[in-house]
N, C-alpha and C. Protein backbone atom coordinates (compact mmCIF):
# COMPACT_ATOMS: atom_id res chain seq x y z
N MET A 1 -18.45 -20.16 -33.67
CA MET A 1 -18.40 -20.04 -32.83
C MET A 1 -19.46 -19.78 -31.68
N LYS A 2 -19.31 -20.30 -30.49
CA LYS A 2 -20.05 -19.90 -29.33
C LYS A 2 -19.52 -19.16 -28.41
N PRO A 3 -20.25 -17.96 -28.03
CA PRO A 3 -20.00 -17.16 -27.25
C PRO A 3 -19.37 -17.80 -25.77
N LEU A 4 -18.51 -16.98 -25.21
CA LEU A 4 -17.99 -17.36 -23.80
C LEU A 4 -18.75 -17.09 -22.61
N GLN A 5 -18.92 -18.14 -21.74
CA GLN A 5 -20.14 -17.93 -20.81
C GLN A 5 -19.30 -18.19 -19.63
N LEU A 6 -19.21 -17.48 -18.97
CA LEU A 6 -18.74 -17.17 -17.35
C LEU A 6 -19.38 -17.92 -16.55
N ASP A 7 -18.96 -18.49 -15.75
CA ASP A 7 -20.07 -19.12 -14.63
C ASP A 7 -19.71 -17.94 -13.67
N ASP A 8 -20.51 -18.61 -12.61
CA ASP A 8 -21.22 -17.12 -11.96
C ASP A 8 -20.08 -17.03 -10.85
N ASN A 9 -18.86 -17.84 -10.57
CA ASN A 9 -17.75 -17.38 -10.03
C ASN A 9 -17.10 -16.46 -10.22
N LEU A 10 -16.97 -16.53 -11.72
CA LEU A 10 -16.05 -15.49 -12.55
C LEU A 10 -16.86 -14.38 -13.01
N LYS A 11 -18.00 -14.02 -13.00
CA LYS A 11 -19.03 -13.03 -13.17
C LYS A 11 -18.56 -11.82 -12.17
N LYS A 12 -18.16 -12.34 -10.92
CA LYS A 12 -17.76 -11.18 -10.16
C LYS A 12 -16.74 -10.08 -10.40
N TYR A 13 -16.03 -10.91 -11.35
CA TYR A 13 -14.78 -9.62 -11.60
C TYR A 13 -15.02 -9.08 -12.95
N THR A 14 -16.51 -9.03 -13.53
CA THR A 14 -16.40 -8.30 -14.69
C THR A 14 -17.37 -7.15 -14.00
N ARG A 15 -18.11 -7.44 -12.73
CA ARG A 15 -18.22 -6.30 -12.05
C ARG A 15 -17.68 -4.91 -11.92
N THR A 16 -16.73 -4.17 -12.68
CA THR A 16 -15.76 -3.90 -12.32
C THR A 16 -16.05 -2.70 -11.47
N SER A 17 -16.89 -1.50 -11.18
CA SER A 17 -17.57 -0.78 -9.99
C SER A 17 -17.69 -1.35 -8.90
N GLU A 18 -17.50 -2.57 -8.75
CA GLU A 18 -18.28 -3.37 -7.53
C GLU A 18 -17.08 -4.43 -7.19
N CYS A 19 -16.05 -5.03 -7.88
CA CYS A 19 -14.81 -5.51 -7.46
C CYS A 19 -13.95 -5.34 -6.60
N PRO A 20 -14.11 -5.71 -5.43
CA PRO A 20 -13.18 -5.56 -4.58
C PRO A 20 -11.27 -5.86 -4.74
N ILE A 21 -11.04 -6.43 -5.82
CA ILE A 21 -9.34 -6.32 -6.57
C ILE A 21 -9.26 -5.45 -6.91
N ARG A 22 -10.21 -4.73 -7.69
CA ARG A 22 -9.67 -3.64 -8.31
C ARG A 22 -9.96 -2.57 -7.75
N ASN A 23 -11.12 -2.00 -7.03
CA ASN A 23 -11.33 -1.26 -5.66
C ASN A 23 -10.47 -0.69 -4.81
N VAL A 24 -10.48 -2.29 -4.05
CA VAL A 24 -9.61 -1.59 -2.47
C VAL A 24 -8.21 -2.02 -2.90
N ILE A 25 -7.75 -3.50 -3.19
CA ILE A 25 -6.55 -4.27 -3.26
C ILE A 25 -5.59 -3.24 -4.08
N SER A 26 -6.12 -2.26 -5.26
CA SER A 26 -5.29 -2.21 -6.10
C SER A 26 -4.65 -0.31 -5.66
N ARG A 27 -5.49 -0.22 -4.25
CA ARG A 27 -4.88 1.01 -3.63
C ARG A 27 -4.01 0.79 -2.56
N PHE A 28 -3.59 -0.31 -2.39
CA PHE A 28 -2.10 -0.35 -1.65
C PHE A 28 -1.25 -2.03 -2.23
N SER A 29 -1.46 -2.38 -3.79
CA SER A 29 -0.38 -3.27 -3.27
C SER A 29 0.58 -2.44 -4.91
N GLY A 30 0.38 -1.60 -4.62
CA GLY A 30 1.72 -0.88 -5.95
C GLY A 30 2.56 -1.11 -5.02
N LYS A 31 4.13 -1.12 -6.11
CA LYS A 31 5.28 -1.70 -5.60
C LYS A 31 5.93 -0.59 -4.23
N TRP A 32 5.61 0.76 -4.48
CA TRP A 32 5.80 1.58 -3.37
C TRP A 32 4.76 1.88 -2.22
N SER A 33 3.17 1.44 -2.74
CA SER A 33 2.55 1.66 -1.25
C SER A 33 2.95 0.58 -0.12
N MET A 34 2.83 -0.53 -0.99
CA MET A 34 2.87 -1.15 0.30
C MET A 34 4.23 -0.82 0.91
N LEU A 35 5.53 -1.16 0.42
CA LEU A 35 6.97 -0.61 1.19
C LEU A 35 6.74 0.54 2.15
N VAL A 36 5.74 1.71 1.94
CA VAL A 36 5.77 2.82 2.74
C VAL A 36 4.73 2.38 4.01
N LEU A 37 3.60 1.44 3.54
CA LEU A 37 2.75 1.42 5.12
C LEU A 37 4.11 0.23 5.89
N CYS A 38 4.41 -0.53 5.17
CA CYS A 38 5.44 -1.47 6.38
C CYS A 38 6.67 -0.82 7.02
N VAL A 39 7.32 0.47 6.44
CA VAL A 39 7.76 1.38 6.84
C VAL A 39 7.14 2.19 8.12
N LEU A 40 5.88 2.55 7.66
CA LEU A 40 5.17 3.41 8.71
C LEU A 40 4.58 2.17 10.00
N ALA A 41 4.46 1.23 9.32
CA ALA A 41 4.12 0.10 11.04
C ALA A 41 5.27 -0.26 11.76
N GLU A 42 6.85 -0.11 11.20
CA GLU A 42 7.75 -0.71 12.13
C GLU A 42 7.89 1.11 12.84
N ASN A 43 7.75 2.01 12.72
CA ASN A 43 8.70 3.49 13.15
C ASN A 43 7.23 4.22 13.26
N GLU A 44 5.92 3.83 13.27
CA GLU A 44 4.92 5.06 14.51
C GLU A 44 5.03 5.89 13.29
N ALA A 45 5.26 7.29 14.23
CA ALA A 45 4.90 8.87 13.49
C ALA A 45 6.63 9.25 12.62
N THR A 46 6.12 9.16 11.15
CA THR A 46 7.75 9.09 10.61
C THR A 46 7.66 10.60 9.61
N ARG A 47 8.39 10.99 9.24
CA ARG A 47 8.89 12.08 8.99
C ARG A 47 9.19 11.32 7.29
N PHE A 48 8.75 12.50 6.55
CA PHE A 48 8.84 12.66 5.23
C PHE A 48 10.40 11.80 4.49
N ASN A 49 11.65 12.69 5.12
CA ASN A 49 12.82 12.21 5.11
C ASN A 49 13.06 10.62 5.44
N ALA A 50 12.65 10.09 6.71
CA ALA A 50 12.74 9.55 6.97
C ALA A 50 12.08 7.82 6.36
N ILE A 51 10.82 8.38 5.52
CA ILE A 51 10.58 7.48 4.67
C ILE A 51 11.63 7.29 3.56
N GLY A 52 12.01 8.21 3.26
CA GLY A 52 12.88 8.33 1.50
C GLY A 52 14.33 7.55 2.41
N LYS A 53 14.50 7.68 3.33
CA LYS A 53 15.94 7.16 4.15
C LYS A 53 15.33 5.82 3.95
N ALA A 54 14.72 5.51 4.52
CA ALA A 54 13.96 3.78 4.66
C ALA A 54 14.15 3.06 3.34
N LEU A 55 13.67 3.88 2.10
CA LEU A 55 13.67 3.52 0.58
C LEU A 55 14.15 4.13 -0.12
N PRO A 56 15.54 3.64 -0.21
CA PRO A 56 16.72 5.01 -0.78
C PRO A 56 16.41 5.08 -2.64
N ASP A 57 15.64 4.22 -3.11
CA ASP A 57 15.62 3.90 -4.20
C ASP A 57 14.42 4.64 -4.96
N ILE A 58 12.92 5.34 -3.97
CA ILE A 58 12.21 5.96 -4.38
C ILE A 58 12.79 7.59 -4.81
N SER A 59 11.96 7.78 -5.81
CA SER A 59 12.13 9.60 -6.08
C SER A 59 11.28 10.17 -4.72
N SER A 60 11.50 11.69 -5.16
CA SER A 60 10.66 12.21 -3.89
C SER A 60 9.03 12.48 -4.26
N LYS A 61 9.19 12.75 -5.97
CA LYS A 61 8.01 12.87 -6.65
C LYS A 61 6.94 11.60 -6.10
N VAL A 62 7.62 10.67 -6.53
CA VAL A 62 7.09 9.20 -5.95
C VAL A 62 6.25 9.24 -5.10
N LEU A 63 7.74 9.42 -3.36
CA LEU A 63 7.44 9.31 -2.40
C LEU A 63 5.67 9.99 -1.92
N THR A 64 6.15 11.77 -2.41
CA THR A 64 4.91 12.67 -2.31
C THR A 64 3.80 11.94 -2.80
N ASP A 65 3.85 11.52 -3.74
CA ASP A 65 2.02 11.17 -4.57
C ASP A 65 1.85 9.49 -3.87
N THR A 66 2.49 9.30 -3.42
CA THR A 66 2.45 7.90 -3.04
C THR A 66 1.83 8.32 -1.57
N LEU A 67 2.13 8.66 -0.80
CA LEU A 67 1.75 9.56 0.53
C LEU A 67 0.57 10.00 0.04
N LYS A 68 0.41 11.04 -0.89
CA LYS A 68 -0.84 11.52 -1.00
C LYS A 68 -2.08 10.41 -0.97
N ASN A 69 -1.92 9.42 -1.70
CA ASN A 69 -2.93 8.60 -2.46
C ASN A 69 -3.14 7.90 -1.00
N LEU A 70 -1.77 7.34 -0.52
CA LEU A 70 -2.09 6.38 0.78
C LEU A 70 -3.28 7.51 1.84
N GLU A 71 -2.84 8.73 2.39
CA GLU A 71 -3.72 9.61 2.79
C GLU A 71 -5.59 9.63 2.35
N SER A 72 -5.78 9.86 0.96
CA SER A 72 -6.66 9.87 0.07
C SER A 72 -7.71 8.54 0.51
N ASP A 73 -7.16 7.68 0.40
CA ASP A 73 -7.52 6.34 0.48
C ASP A 73 -7.53 5.96 2.14
N GLY A 74 -7.22 6.65 3.04
CA GLY A 74 -7.67 6.50 4.31
C GLY A 74 -6.61 5.09 4.86
N LEU A 75 -5.40 5.25 4.68
CA LEU A 75 -4.87 4.07 4.80
C LEU A 75 -3.97 4.78 5.97
N ILE A 76 -3.34 6.16 5.93
CA ILE A 76 -2.08 6.63 6.40
C ILE A 76 -3.07 8.10 6.85
N VAL A 77 -2.23 8.69 7.73
CA VAL A 77 -2.73 10.07 8.32
C VAL A 77 -1.64 10.69 8.23
N ARG A 78 -1.85 12.33 7.88
CA ARG A 78 -0.61 13.08 7.78
C ARG A 78 -1.24 14.30 8.45
N ARG A 79 -0.01 14.65 9.46
CA ARG A 79 -0.17 15.59 10.85
C ARG A 79 0.91 16.53 10.53
N LEU A 80 0.15 17.74 10.34
CA LEU A 80 1.54 19.10 10.40
C LEU A 80 1.20 19.76 12.08
N TYR A 81 2.36 19.97 12.32
CA TYR A 81 2.51 20.70 13.26
C TYR A 81 3.03 21.99 12.81
N ALA A 82 2.14 23.04 14.08
CA ALA A 82 3.13 24.25 13.66
C ALA A 82 3.97 25.30 14.26
N GLU A 83 4.96 24.91 13.47
CA GLU A 83 6.27 25.05 13.91
C GLU A 83 7.04 25.92 13.29
N ILE A 84 8.27 26.24 13.84
CA ILE A 84 9.22 26.91 12.23
C ILE A 84 10.77 25.98 12.62
N PRO A 85 10.89 25.35 11.34
CA PRO A 85 10.12 25.07 10.46
C PRO A 85 9.31 24.23 10.63
N PRO A 86 7.67 24.36 9.63
CA PRO A 86 6.78 23.38 9.55
C PRO A 86 7.03 22.24 9.92
N ARG A 87 6.64 21.04 10.99
CA ARG A 87 6.83 19.75 10.96
C ARG A 87 5.72 18.68 10.74
N VAL A 88 6.12 17.72 9.35
CA VAL A 88 5.08 16.89 8.76
C VAL A 88 5.32 15.69 9.72
N GLU A 89 4.47 14.97 9.84
CA GLU A 89 4.50 13.40 10.12
C GLU A 89 3.20 12.80 9.71
N TYR A 90 3.73 11.26 9.02
CA TYR A 90 2.98 10.29 8.41
C TYR A 90 2.78 9.07 9.63
N SER A 91 1.98 8.73 9.97
CA SER A 91 1.34 7.26 10.63
C SER A 91 0.01 6.56 9.88
N LEU A 92 0.36 5.50 10.30
CA LEU A 92 -0.90 4.69 9.94
C LEU A 92 -1.66 5.01 10.51
N SER A 93 -3.35 5.04 10.04
CA SER A 93 -4.80 4.91 10.16
C SER A 93 -4.88 3.48 10.51
N ASP A 94 -5.77 4.05 11.51
CA ASP A 94 -6.97 2.41 11.98
C ASP A 94 -7.21 1.37 11.11
N THR A 95 -7.48 2.17 10.04
CA THR A 95 -8.01 1.59 8.95
C THR A 95 -6.55 0.52 8.31
N GLY A 96 -5.60 1.32 8.29
CA GLY A 96 -4.24 1.23 7.88
C GLY A 96 -3.47 -0.01 8.55
N ARG A 97 -3.55 0.75 10.01
CA ARG A 97 -3.15 -0.51 11.09
C ARG A 97 -4.10 -2.15 11.05
N SER A 98 -5.31 -2.08 10.32
CA SER A 98 -5.72 -3.22 10.46
C SER A 98 -5.66 -3.97 9.01
N LEU A 99 -5.02 -3.33 7.96
CA LEU A 99 -4.39 -4.18 6.69
C LEU A 99 -3.18 -4.58 7.04
N MET A 100 -2.24 -4.34 8.44
CA MET A 100 -0.85 -4.57 8.40
C MET A 100 -0.65 -6.08 8.58
N PRO A 101 -1.63 -7.21 9.52
CA PRO A 101 -1.96 -8.32 9.81
C PRO A 101 -1.47 -9.21 8.19
N VAL A 102 -2.49 -8.44 7.28
CA VAL A 102 -2.82 -9.42 5.94
C VAL A 102 -1.20 -8.71 5.13
N ILE A 103 -1.13 -7.61 5.27
CA ILE A 103 0.17 -7.88 4.66
C ILE A 103 1.47 -8.61 5.17
N GLY A 104 1.75 -8.51 6.31
CA GLY A 104 2.50 -9.44 7.05
C GLY A 104 2.35 -10.54 6.46
N GLN A 105 1.37 -11.09 6.77
CA GLN A 105 1.26 -12.73 5.90
C GLN A 105 1.49 -12.85 4.51
N LEU A 106 1.21 -11.86 3.77
CA LEU A 106 2.05 -11.55 2.25
C LEU A 106 3.12 -11.55 2.50
N ILE A 107 4.13 -10.97 3.26
CA ILE A 107 5.65 -10.89 3.33
C ILE A 107 5.53 -12.19 3.77
N SER A 108 5.23 -12.56 4.73
CA SER A 108 5.79 -14.26 5.34
C SER A 108 5.96 -15.38 4.36
N TRP A 109 4.90 -15.17 3.27
CA TRP A 109 4.91 -15.91 1.90
C TRP A 109 6.01 -16.18 1.03
N ALA A 110 5.80 -14.24 0.76
CA ALA A 110 6.80 -13.59 -0.28
C ALA A 110 8.42 -14.34 0.33
N ILE A 111 8.63 -14.29 1.61
CA ILE A 111 9.52 -14.94 2.08
C ILE A 111 10.17 -15.92 1.80
N ALA A 112 9.15 -17.22 2.35
CA ALA A 112 9.12 -18.66 1.93
C ALA A 112 9.25 -19.12 0.78
N ASN A 113 8.78 -18.25 -0.42
CA ASN A 113 8.46 -18.47 -1.85
C ASN A 113 9.87 -17.72 -2.52
N PHE A 114 10.44 -17.09 -1.98
CA PHE A 114 11.17 -16.08 -2.97
C PHE A 114 12.15 -16.81 -3.96
N ASP A 115 12.89 -17.83 -3.45
CA ASP A 115 13.55 -18.73 -3.95
C ASP A 115 12.99 -19.16 -5.58
N ASN A 116 11.47 -20.01 -5.63
CA ASN A 116 10.98 -20.65 -6.00
C ASN A 116 10.55 -19.90 -7.08
N ILE A 117 10.39 -18.86 -7.06
CA ILE A 117 9.60 -17.84 -7.63
C ILE A 117 10.47 -16.94 -8.53
N GLY A 118 11.05 -16.64 -7.80
CA GLY A 118 12.84 -15.97 -8.43
C GLY A 118 13.40 -16.70 -9.77
N ARG A 119 13.50 -17.88 -9.81
CA ARG A 119 13.69 -18.97 -10.34
C ARG A 119 13.11 -19.01 -11.52
N ARG A 120 11.79 -18.78 -12.07
CA ARG A 120 11.19 -18.71 -12.92
C ARG A 120 10.82 -17.67 -13.80
């Protein structure tokens, strides 16, 4: 049997360290990451509990992990206020804001195609 030959267009996906799909899109494509980004885009600076209320089916641990990941990826900013009790707010970074039009297009596509995809 002849070995499988990938054409040049497909080879770009085999270079795992250079593949934008693997290394960039995976940062925000998870179920919770995209929803958290949408909440922050609609509400500006938002506290942890408010995000949790907007997404009532996310656990505190998963929300904490999601926020940490989004912050370390540079998509959101965490601001700690030196108050008693301490106040922490999350907001989109410039990079996160630049991503939102793309996510908005994906949301529009999802709404337009939800019935067709959901039936299969």
